[in-house]
Amino acid sequence: MVKHIASIFVIFLSIGVQAGVVELSNGDRLEGELVRVDGEHLVWKSTNFGEQWIKKTNIANIASTKPLKINGSKSACLLEKMEAEQLVYQCEKSSRIKRTSLLTIKTLVPYEDYKKGAYVHHGRLNLWGAYSRGNEVRDEWNLQSEMDFRRSDFRHVVGAEYSRSSWFYSAPQERWNTRYSLDWFLGEHWFWYNGALLGADPQRGMAKYKSLGSGAGYQFFETSASALSLKTGLAYMDERYVFPADLVGDFAPEDSFMALRLATDFRYNLPWGVGFFHNNEMLQSTEDNPNWRVKTATGLSSMILKRIYSEFKIDYWLDNEPQPARKGKDTRMSLGVSYKW
């Protein structure tokens, strides 16, 4: 059976068949061929209309005789059909028929392009701030950016944040961080993540901090309405603290420790094109000292124009062992504008 399947793949690879069609939920059909999956879209090269970006949620069926690379399989795969949101396919050297939601598939490209090592990239830029003069003198700005580069089953993410605030011409408070992560998609649901973080947050007593982490991730589900994923692993924390004024008692200027990490990411699409999101992260020290921290982000996002989004977000931090003269709880509400590409 396996030899028979392998021979079919050899035939398809050798003749390079190009025929394909995508059927939309409204009944339209586009002849052409698959280019790639790009985030929430399927990029399709139409015979008559050129390159088209089609939302995954609008696709009823895909037919392609091209061998494809699908995340979780190193060998070429052939599509058979779609059953609701499930993509049905079979891969070389395997007799098992696989079913995976099209929405959860991160890598779907022609196998020949995969062997050539094609890249896909995205980005996001977010800005919010406040400026006032008169009875209130206030300057507050926050800039966040993120870019991701995907090649085959690997995704590189680079991000940064910079915040500066001042009231009544006081010395400005600055907060910043830079981060890098590498994700390896091992299968339809599992992935391996690695990350590094460097930053400073003097208002919370952190003169400088850095962390290195690694672990496993699992995508429970991802549909047109909602998605939920989980990450768990280990993180190494290295921190340098701001020396508090009028200190009474001992003070440790630095600390480093290993911590267990648990993080979840949830989203849900509400009516009228509004999206709800909630993600959180918990760190628990592995040392005898029961130090733990929780960080959450909850908010709503809505598209204003093409590629331009408004976002309302509430960030919450909880530290059971804050630095001297610092509070263990922080809450921040922000309303900003994002540009995505």
Protein backbone atom coordinates (compact mmCIF):
# COMPACT_ATOMS: atom_id res chain seq x y z
CA MET A 1 0.00 0.00 0.00
CA VAL A 2 2.77 2.42 0.98
CA LYS A 3 4.71 1.61 -2.21
CA HIS A 4 1.60 2.31 -4.26
CA ILE A 5 1.13 5.71 -2.59
CA ALA A 6 4.81 6.55 -3.09
CA SER A 7 4.58 5.73 -6.79
CA ILE A 8 1.61 8.10 -7.15
CA PHE A 9 3.66 10.90 -5.59
CA VAL A 10 6.57 10.21 -7.93
CA ILE A 11 4.23 10.53 -10.92
CA PHE A 12 2.83 13.86 -9.69
CA LEU A 13 6.30 15.20 -8.93
CA SER A 14 7.60 14.22 -12.34
CA ILE A 15 4.80 15.64 -14.50
CA GLY A 16 4.31 18.84 -12.44
CA VAL A 17 0.53 19.02 -12.85
CA GLN A 18 -0.73 22.59 -12.46
CA ALA A 19 -4.55 22.27 -12.42
CA GLY A 20 -6.44 23.47 -9.35
CA VAL A 21 -9.63 25.16 -8.20
CA VAL A 22 -10.83 26.84 -5.02
CA GLU A 23 -14.55 26.97 -4.22
CA LEU A 24 -15.87 29.79 -2.04
CA SER A 25 -18.74 29.62 0.43
CA ASN A 26 -20.81 31.95 -1.81
CA GLY A 27 -20.56 29.47 -4.71
CA ASP A 28 -17.82 31.21 -6.72
CA ARG A 29 -15.03 29.10 -8.23
CA LEU A 30 -11.52 30.26 -9.08
CA GLU A 31 -9.32 28.13 -11.32
CA GLY A 32 -5.59 28.40 -10.80
CA GLU A 33 -3.13 27.13 -8.23
CA LEU A 34 -2.22 27.49 -4.57
CA VAL A 35 0.59 29.91 -3.74
CA ARG A 36 0.67 29.61 0.06
CA VAL A 37 -1.19 30.05 3.33
CA ASP A 38 -0.46 33.47 4.81
CA GLY A 39 -1.91 33.97 8.29
CA GLU A 40 -5.72 34.07 8.02
CA HIS A 41 -5.62 34.05 4.20
CA LEU A 42 -5.07 31.60 1.39
CA VAL A 43 -3.04 33.15 -1.43
CA TRP A 44 -4.35 31.79 -4.73
CA LYS A 45 -3.01 32.51 -8.23
CA SER A 46 -6.15 32.69 -10.35
CA THR A 47 -5.94 31.89 -14.06
CA ASN A 48 -8.12 34.90 -14.94
CA PHE A 49 -7.68 37.38 -12.07
CA GLY A 50 -4.08 36.96 -10.94
CA GLU A 51 -3.06 36.65 -7.30
CA GLN A 52 -6.02 36.65 -4.88
CA TRP A 53 -5.99 36.80 -1.07
CA ILE A 54 -8.92 34.75 0.21
CA LYS A 55 -9.95 34.50 3.86
CA LYS A 56 -9.78 30.91 5.10
CA THR A 57 -13.27 31.29 6.56
CA ASN A 58 -14.67 31.94 3.05
CA ILE A 59 -13.31 28.71 1.54
CA ALA A 60 -15.64 25.74 0.99
CA ASN A 61 -13.25 23.45 -0.90
CA ILE A 62 -9.76 23.30 -2.40
CA ALA A 63 -8.72 21.02 -5.24
CA SER A 64 -5.08 20.79 -6.28
CA THR A 65 -3.03 18.05 -7.88
CA LYS A 66 0.25 19.69 -6.88
CA PRO A 67 2.29 17.98 -4.13
CA LEU A 68 2.17 20.27 -1.10
CA LYS A 69 4.13 20.87 2.08
CA ILE A 70 1.85 20.85 5.15
CA ASN A 71 3.17 21.53 8.66
CA GLY A 72 3.75 18.34 10.62
CA SER A 73 4.93 16.32 7.61
CA LYS A 74 8.39 16.43 6.03
CA SER A 75 7.22 14.60 2.90
CA ALA A 76 4.94 15.80 0.11
CA CYS A 77 1.17 15.61 0.60
CA LEU A 78 -1.81 15.51 -1.76
CA LEU A 79 -5.17 17.14 -1.07
CA GLU A 80 -8.28 15.02 -1.41
CA LYS A 81 -11.14 17.33 -0.40
CA MET A 82 -12.54 19.48 2.40
CA GLU A 83 -15.14 18.35 4.93
CA ALA A 84 -16.60 21.51 6.52
CA GLU A 85 -13.46 23.29 7.88
CA GLN A 86 -11.38 20.09 7.78
CA LEU A 87 -8.74 19.67 5.09
CA VAL A 88 -8.46 15.99 4.07
CA TYR A 89 -5.07 14.92 2.72
CA GLN A 90 -2.58 12.07 2.50
CA CYS A 91 1.20 12.29 2.69
CA GLU A 92 3.92 10.26 1.02
CA LYS A 93 5.18 7.17 2.91
CA SER A 94 1.94 7.01 4.91
CA SER A 95 -1.32 5.19 4.26
CA ARG A 96 -3.22 7.24 6.87
CA ILE A 97 -5.77 9.83 5.77
CA LYS A 98 -5.30 13.03 7.80
CA ARG A 99 -7.90 15.64 8.70
CA THR A 100 -6.90 19.07 9.98
CA SER A 101 -8.79 22.35 10.24
CA LEU A 102 -7.66 24.72 7.50
CA LEU A 103 -7.64 27.50 10.11
CA THR A 104 -4.98 25.75 12.21
CA ILE A 105 -2.63 25.00 9.31
CA LYS A 106 0.38 27.33 9.45
CA THR A 107 2.34 25.92 6.49
CA LEU A 108 0.70 25.09 3.17
CA VAL A 109 2.87 25.69 0.10
CA PRO A 110 3.79 23.80 -3.07
CA TYR A 111 6.42 21.22 -2.19
CA GLU A 112 8.84 22.60 -4.77
CA ASP A 113 8.66 26.07 -3.16
CA TYR A 114 9.25 24.47 0.25
CA LYS A 115 12.45 22.83 -1.00
CA LYS A 116 13.62 26.20 -2.33
CA GLY A 117 13.09 27.78 1.12
CA ALA A 118 10.57 30.58 0.42
CA TYR A 119 9.99 33.20 3.18
CA VAL A 120 6.73 34.85 4.33
CA HIS A 121 6.74 37.92 6.59
CA HIS A 122 4.25 40.10 8.52
CA GLY A 123 4.44 43.14 10.76
CA ARG A 124 2.50 45.28 13.20
CA LEU A 125 3.03 48.83 14.49
CA ASN A 126 0.96 50.22 17.39
CA LEU A 127 0.96 53.79 18.77
CA TRP A 128 -0.97 55.49 21.57
CA GLY A 129 -0.29 58.57 23.66
CA ALA A 130 -1.47 61.69 25.47
CA TYR A 131 -0.37 65.34 25.29
CA SER A 132 -1.83 68.18 27.37
CA ARG A 133 -0.85 71.70 28.49
CA GLY A 134 -2.57 74.16 30.85
CA ASN A 135 -3.92 73.04 34.21
CA GLU A 136 -2.54 69.61 33.39
CA VAL A 137 0.89 69.12 31.86
CA ARG A 138 1.27 65.62 30.55
CA ASP A 139 3.35 63.80 27.95
CA GLU A 140 2.84 60.07 27.50
CA TRP A 141 3.70 57.94 24.49
CA ASN A 142 3.88 54.22 23.82
CA LEU A 143 5.19 52.56 20.68
CA GLN A 144 5.08 48.82 20.00
CA SER A 145 6.26 46.91 16.95
CA GLU A 146 6.45 43.27 15.94
CA MET A 147 7.63 41.40 12.84
CA ASP A 148 7.49 37.70 12.08
CA PHE A 149 9.28 35.73 9.39
CA ARG A 150 8.09 32.26 8.45
CA ARG A 151 9.97 29.65 6.48
CA SER A 152 8.52 26.17 6.22
CA ASP A 153 7.72 24.93 9.76
CA PHE A 154 9.79 27.64 11.49
CA ARG A 155 8.62 31.08 12.59
CA HIS A 156 10.90 33.87 13.84
CA VAL A 157 9.28 36.74 15.77
CA VAL A 158 11.10 39.99 16.68
CA GLY A 159 9.36 42.62 18.81
CA ALA A 160 10.04 45.80 20.77
CA GLU A 161 8.21 48.28 23.03
CA TYR A 162 9.15 51.77 24.18
CA SER A 163 7.18 53.95 26.60
CA ARG A 164 7.95 57.45 27.90
CA SER A 165 5.82 59.46 30.34
CA SER A 166 6.15 62.75 32.22
CA TRP A 167 3.83 64.90 34.37
CA PHE A 168 4.32 68.65 35.03
CA TYR A 169 7.81 68.64 33.50
CA SER A 170 9.08 65.93 35.86
CA ALA A 171 11.98 63.71 34.86
CA PRO A 172 10.52 61.34 32.25
CA GLN A 173 9.97 57.71 33.16
CA GLU A 174 10.97 55.25 30.45
CA ARG A 175 10.11 51.61 29.96
CA TRP A 176 11.38 49.40 27.15
CA ASN A 177 11.88 45.81 26.07
CA THR A 178 13.04 43.80 23.07
CA ARG A 179 12.22 40.16 22.43
CA TYR A 180 12.89 37.31 20.02
CA SER A 181 11.19 33.94 19.69
CA LEU A 182 11.56 30.88 17.48
CA ASP A 183 8.65 28.47 17.01
CA TRP A 184 8.94 25.08 15.34
CA PHE A 185 5.62 23.54 14.26
CA LEU A 186 6.03 19.81 14.83
CA GLY A 187 2.52 18.68 13.87
CA GLU A 188 -1.08 19.74 13.38
CA HIS A 189 -1.39 20.85 17.03
CA TRP A 190 2.05 20.69 18.68
CA PHE A 191 4.88 23.23 18.43
CA TRP A 192 8.16 23.90 20.24
CA TYR A 193 8.84 27.49 21.32
CA ASN A 194 12.04 29.27 22.38
CA GLY A 195 12.27 32.89 23.48
CA ALA A 196 14.59 35.62 24.78
CA LEU A 197 13.59 38.92 26.43
CA LEU A 198 15.60 41.99 27.49
CA GLY A 199 14.19 45.17 29.03
CA ALA A 200 13.90 47.73 31.84
CA ASP A 201 10.94 48.94 33.93
CA PRO A 202 12.16 51.40 36.64
CA GLN A 203 8.62 52.19 37.81
CA ARG A 204 8.27 48.59 38.94
CA GLY A 205 11.78 48.57 40.39
CA MET A 206 13.47 46.77 37.47
CA ALA A 207 16.65 48.55 36.36
CA LYS A 208 17.21 45.76 33.83
CA TYR A 209 15.84 42.27 33.32
CA LYS A 210 16.33 39.42 30.90
CA SER A 211 14.91 35.95 30.46
CA LEU A 212 15.47 32.84 28.35
CA GLY A 213 12.71 30.29 27.94
CA SER A 214 11.83 27.09 26.13
CA GLY A 215 8.94 24.65 26.15
CA ALA A 216 6.05 23.00 24.34
CA GLY A 217 2.91 24.53 22.90
CA TYR A 218 -0.43 23.00 21.95
CA GLN A 219 -3.20 24.45 19.77
CA PHE A 220 -6.46 23.11 21.21
CA PHE A 221 -8.64 24.55 18.46
CA GLU A 222 -8.73 27.33 15.89
CA THR A 223 -11.96 28.04 14.03
CA SER A 224 -13.55 31.05 12.36
CA ALA A 225 -15.17 31.94 15.70
CA SER A 226 -12.49 31.27 18.31
CA ALA A 227 -9.04 29.87 19.11
CA LEU A 228 -7.21 28.60 22.19
CA SER A 229 -3.55 27.64 22.65
CA LEU A 230 -1.37 26.70 25.63
CA LYS A 231 2.37 27.02 26.30
CA THR A 232 4.26 25.41 29.15
CA GLY A 233 7.98 25.20 29.87
CA LEU A 234 10.92 26.62 31.82
CA ALA A 235 12.31 30.17 31.97
CA TYR A 236 15.59 31.52 33.34
CA MET A 237 15.18 34.97 34.92
CA ASP A 238 18.03 37.44 35.58
CA GLU A 239 17.10 40.80 37.17
CA ARG A 240 18.84 43.99 38.35
CA TYR A 241 16.87 46.25 40.69
CA VAL A 242 16.58 50.00 41.26
CA PHE A 243 18.01 51.02 44.64
CA PRO A 244 15.06 52.44 46.62
CA ALA A 245 15.30 55.81 48.34
CA ASP A 246 15.15 55.93 52.16
CA LEU A 247 15.75 52.19 52.37
CA VAL A 248 15.49 50.60 55.81
CA GLY A 249 16.82 47.06 56.11
CA ASP A 250 18.60 44.73 53.73
CA PHE A 251 18.37 45.03 49.96
CA ALA A 252 19.35 42.54 47.26
CA PRO A 253 20.42 44.50 44.14
CA GLU A 254 20.05 41.50 41.81
CA ASP A 255 18.56 38.04 41.54
CA SER A 256 18.48 35.11 39.12
CA PHE A 257 16.32 32.01 39.26
CA MET A 258 14.57 29.30 37.25
CA ALA A 259 10.80 29.40 36.92
CA LEU A 260 7.99 27.25 35.58
CA ARG A 261 6.04 29.04 32.84
CA LEU A 262 2.41 28.58 31.87
CA ALA A 263 0.71 30.76 29.26
CA THR A 264 -2.60 30.71 27.39
CA ASP A 265 -3.87 32.66 24.39
CA PHE A 266 -7.61 32.92 23.64
CA ARG A 267 -9.58 34.87 21.05
CA TYR A 268 -13.25 35.07 20.13
CA ASN A 269 -14.97 36.92 17.31
CA LEU A 270 -17.94 39.02 18.44
CA PRO A 271 -20.65 40.46 16.15
CA TRP A 272 -20.08 43.63 14.07
CA GLY A 273 -16.48 42.73 13.24
CA VAL A 274 -15.17 43.12 16.80
CA GLY A 275 -12.62 40.65 18.16
CA PHE A 276 -12.09 39.79 21.83
CA PHE A 277 -8.72 38.54 23.07
CA HIS A 278 -7.32 37.40 26.41
CA ASN A 279 -3.84 36.05 27.08
CA ASN A 280 -2.00 35.46 30.32
CA GLU A 281 1.33 34.25 31.63
CA MET A 282 2.23 32.81 35.02
CA LEU A 283 5.77 32.32 36.35
CA GLN A 284 6.42 30.21 39.44
CA SER A 285 9.94 30.08 40.90
CA THR A 286 11.37 26.57 41.26
CA GLU A 287 13.37 27.63 44.33
CA ASP A 288 12.26 27.31 47.95
CA ASN A 289 11.16 30.95 47.88
CA PRO A 290 7.49 30.86 46.71
CA ASN A 291 7.92 33.77 44.28
CA TRP A 292 5.29 33.93 41.53
CA ARG A 293 4.01 36.46 39.01
CA VAL A 294 0.98 36.79 36.76
CA LYS A 295 0.57 39.00 33.70
CA THR A 296 -2.64 39.29 31.66
CA ALA A 297 -3.80 41.28 28.65
CA THR A 298 -7.49 41.55 27.79
CA GLY A 299 -9.06 43.69 25.11
CA LEU A 300 -11.09 44.37 21.99
CA SER A 301 -9.91 45.10 18.46
CA SER A 302 -11.77 46.34 15.40
CA MET A 303 -10.72 47.19 11.85
CA ILE A 304 -11.13 50.88 10.96
CA LEU A 305 -9.72 50.78 7.43
CA LYS A 306 -7.80 48.19 5.48
CA ARG A 307 -4.72 47.27 7.57
CA ILE A 308 -5.59 49.89 10.24
CA TYR A 309 -7.12 48.70 13.52
CA SER A 310 -8.26 50.28 16.77
CA GLU A 311 -7.46 48.42 19.99
CA PHE A 312 -8.61 48.79 23.58
CA LYS A 313 -6.54 46.79 26.06
CA ILE A 314 -6.24 46.28 29.81
CA ASP A 315 -2.87 45.03 31.09
CA TYR A 316 -2.63 43.64 34.61
CA TRP A 317 0.48 42.60 36.58
CA LEU A 318 0.54 40.78 39.92
CA ASP A 319 3.77 40.09 41.85
CA ASN A 320 3.58 38.42 45.26
CA GLU A 321 7.06 39.73 46.14
CA PRO A 322 7.41 43.26 44.70
CA GLN A 323 10.49 45.39 45.24
CA PRO A 324 10.68 47.59 48.38
CA ALA A 325 8.44 50.69 48.13
CA ARG A 326 6.69 49.18 45.08
CA LYS A 327 3.16 47.84 44.84
CA GLY A 328 2.46 44.24 43.92
CA LYS A 329 -0.38 45.11 41.53
CA ASP A 330 -0.36 47.23 38.37
CA THR A 331 -3.22 47.98 35.99
CA ARG A 332 -2.98 49.88 32.71
CA MET A 333 -5.73 50.71 30.22
CA SER A 334 -4.80 51.87 26.72
CA LEU A 335 -6.59 52.83 23.51
CA GLY A 336 -4.47 52.98 20.39
CA VAL A 337 -4.22 52.51 16.65
CA SER A 338 -2.37 49.68 14.91
CA TYR A 339 -1.10 49.24 11.37
CA LYS A 340 -0.58 45.69 10.12
CA TRP A 341 1.09 44.41 6.99
